[in-house]
Amino acid sequence: MSTIPATIPKCPPILDIVASVEQSLFKTEPQQAEAIKQALASFLLINNNKVAEPNLTTMEKKAFKDLNRDNSILITKADKGNTVVVLDRSAYLEKMSEMLMRNVYKPIRADPTSKLRTDLLNLLDMFISETNDEALVKIKQHLYFTSNIKCPEMYGLPKTHKLGIPMRPVVASINSVTSKLCSYLKEIIRPLTGLRMSYVKNSKHFCDDIKTLRLQGNEVLVSYDVKDLFTNIPIPKTLSVLKELLNNDITLVQRTKLNPFHVVKLASFCMHEGNYFRFQDRFFTQRNGVPMGSPLSPVLAEVFMEHFEQIAFDNINMDIRPICFKRYVDDIFAVIPTGAEEQFLEHLNRLYPENIVLTIEKETDKKLPFLDALVIRGDDRLTTKIYRKPTNPDAYLHFTSHHPLSVKKGIVAGMVDRAIAICDKNFLGEELQHIKRIFTENGYPFKLITSIINRRLRPKPPNVLPQQPRGPTVVLPYHSILGDTIKRLAKSLDFRVFFKSSPNLRAILRTDKIRIPKEEAKGVVYQIKCGCHASYIGETGNTLFDRFKEHLACVTRYKNARDRLSGAQPRRRGRPQTKEPTKIMEETIKASAIVEHSSQCSHDLQPRILCRESLFHHRKIKEACYIRHNASINRDRGTEISQAWTGLIDQTGCCLIPT
């Protein structure tokens, strides 16, 4: 299942394109923006009837639907490798429940998101008043106005390359209370790390470093791995080390107006109060370590591991000191005197015995894998080639997948660049043949693969400053029958275009996260229809249910005031109204077109979702499109959009609301 593509929608998503273009050109000079919109609208008007050939058969579509409906299985992705994994749901839940029973996690009774949001807003208010930090102001505004703040959610990724297939816990924290703050803190802290000689940025950096090493013949290659680093990092010690680093950092003022106290306090909030999640219908806090999935976690892990490394070498017997020591977060590569490898392991495991436990892997037949490189020991030097785990399926984005050709070319080019970066010349030819084979198996034309390989192998010209981009940038949802032609159009009108790919089938089929029913989703454009057929169109960042309640409360407030004025009993119990009834009636009618209509009509109101859209500006644009192309009782036409789209929307009927 790892080769399954993104499906091709029959027709271009016109409303999504309109919203994307309007938002992309919001700050563009009006005359140029209008010219681009006119050209795109005309092009889409001519081409919107073209239907793309499906890349899945009817039988395949049915099979995927059946898989999605089967509640006895769970579909997720593997921890390593581009593989979709199908698990027995009960076995998955049992493994996750066993993991959550460990002392690392503590059950809590309810979702603390609302309280945490209030607490963080108060903390941000305090620090903003002390520092006037602009980034904190933006984070506060986002937190205050965004309605789709979510509780972080845990899921498990099966480690198919390990015995027993244990689960790696991941906490999805996108749109959580602390997600924006964590991203900001990460940018502040990151420059403090990566300065040690042992630091490994990536596989290329590692291979370049070790190729200069000369061996004497009495060494052994070993790797050490920290077991479950993220859930075992001692947070108090890490924050203490962080504060010391910040106090000594003379460049901190160039990155933020916050002082070390503020940074550490905010990091502590994210890793203590903000370290919670839900799994299925239960809520937990994480007692120890950092959550796997937070933007801040990797940089705090690096802060701790650099401290760990420092004390390891400050207090070491020279007889067991490695000749070469390289570290990528919790993965360590060492060339060490033969016989000293176990003693060095014991030395490392004595440093933080309650938290940090390392395991060892020794070279076999003069070979040792590290990251995605296989290190090979020769007589006096080390060579490297690509390493693939036995469970690696060699499956990549299929050529028939509904993605731009540039994305597919980029995947091949990335694989070739990786081969050039990691493989010694002796192994490069073998790896390039492997690349040709696997991409041919994934549907790529052999001629295309060969041309990309040849281009990447050519000597690169001297560094030339990249040409500054000209014109505005437009981001569009991708559709196969439009992509290349729109790129040519963009070139002729002097604007740049980038495409967002469709979700692939793995993303659609995954069932390891809680799926929110459509009617409970936050961020919608909606219609409220009266029994007399009058219609109101609106948008909300909240759920339709919550927004409809607000509309009804406004109507009820008006009717209670009207009843008071006529001497009738109020329609519901509650706090008595204190304002004059006529004043309340005027206010509610002025505030709501629905109240104004309901004041003259007694029919029931029925809400329904027209479309889902989580992005605020896109949602406002879509609302305006629906208002302009349907009869409604709305008092205005919504946000301003170009008239260029009128003919296109009318012809496609993409905003037509069925009666």
Foldseek 3Di string as FASTA:
>chain_A
DLQFFAKFDFFFLVLQFQLQLCVQCVPPDVVLSQVLLLVVLVVCLVPRPHTDDIPDDPVRVVVLVVLLPDPQWFWAAAPDASGIDIGGVVVQVVLVVVVCPDPQKDFDDDQCQVVLLVVVLVLLVVVCVVQVWPLSVVLSVCSVPFDPADFWAWFWHFNPLDPPRHTDIATARVSHSCQSVLLLLCVLLVVLFDPDPQEDPAQLSVQVVQQVAWADQQKWKKKKFWDPLQSQQALVVLLVLSLVSQVPDPCSVVRISDGSVSSSVSVCCCAAVVQKGDADHTIMHGNGGGHHNGSNRQSSLRSRVVVLVVVLVVDDDPQFDFPHWHDDRRMIITITGPPSPVVSQVSSCVPCVVGIHMDMDTDDQQWDDDRQWIWHDDDIGIFIFGHDRPPHPLHDHAPPHQDDVVVVLVVLLVQLVVRVSHHDPVCSVVSLVVSLVSNVVSVDDSVSSVVSNVVSPDDDDPDDPDDDQWDTEGEGAGHDVCPVVVCVVCVVSRYHYHHDYRDTSSVVSGDRDDDDPPQQQFWFWKWKAFPVGAIDIDIGRGGPVVVVVVVVVLLLQLVQLVCVVVVHDRPDDDDDDDDRSVVSNVVSVVVDLSNVVCVPDVTDIDMDTPGGDNDDSSSQSSSLVLQVPDHHSDPDSTDDRDPSNVVVCVVVVSNPDDD
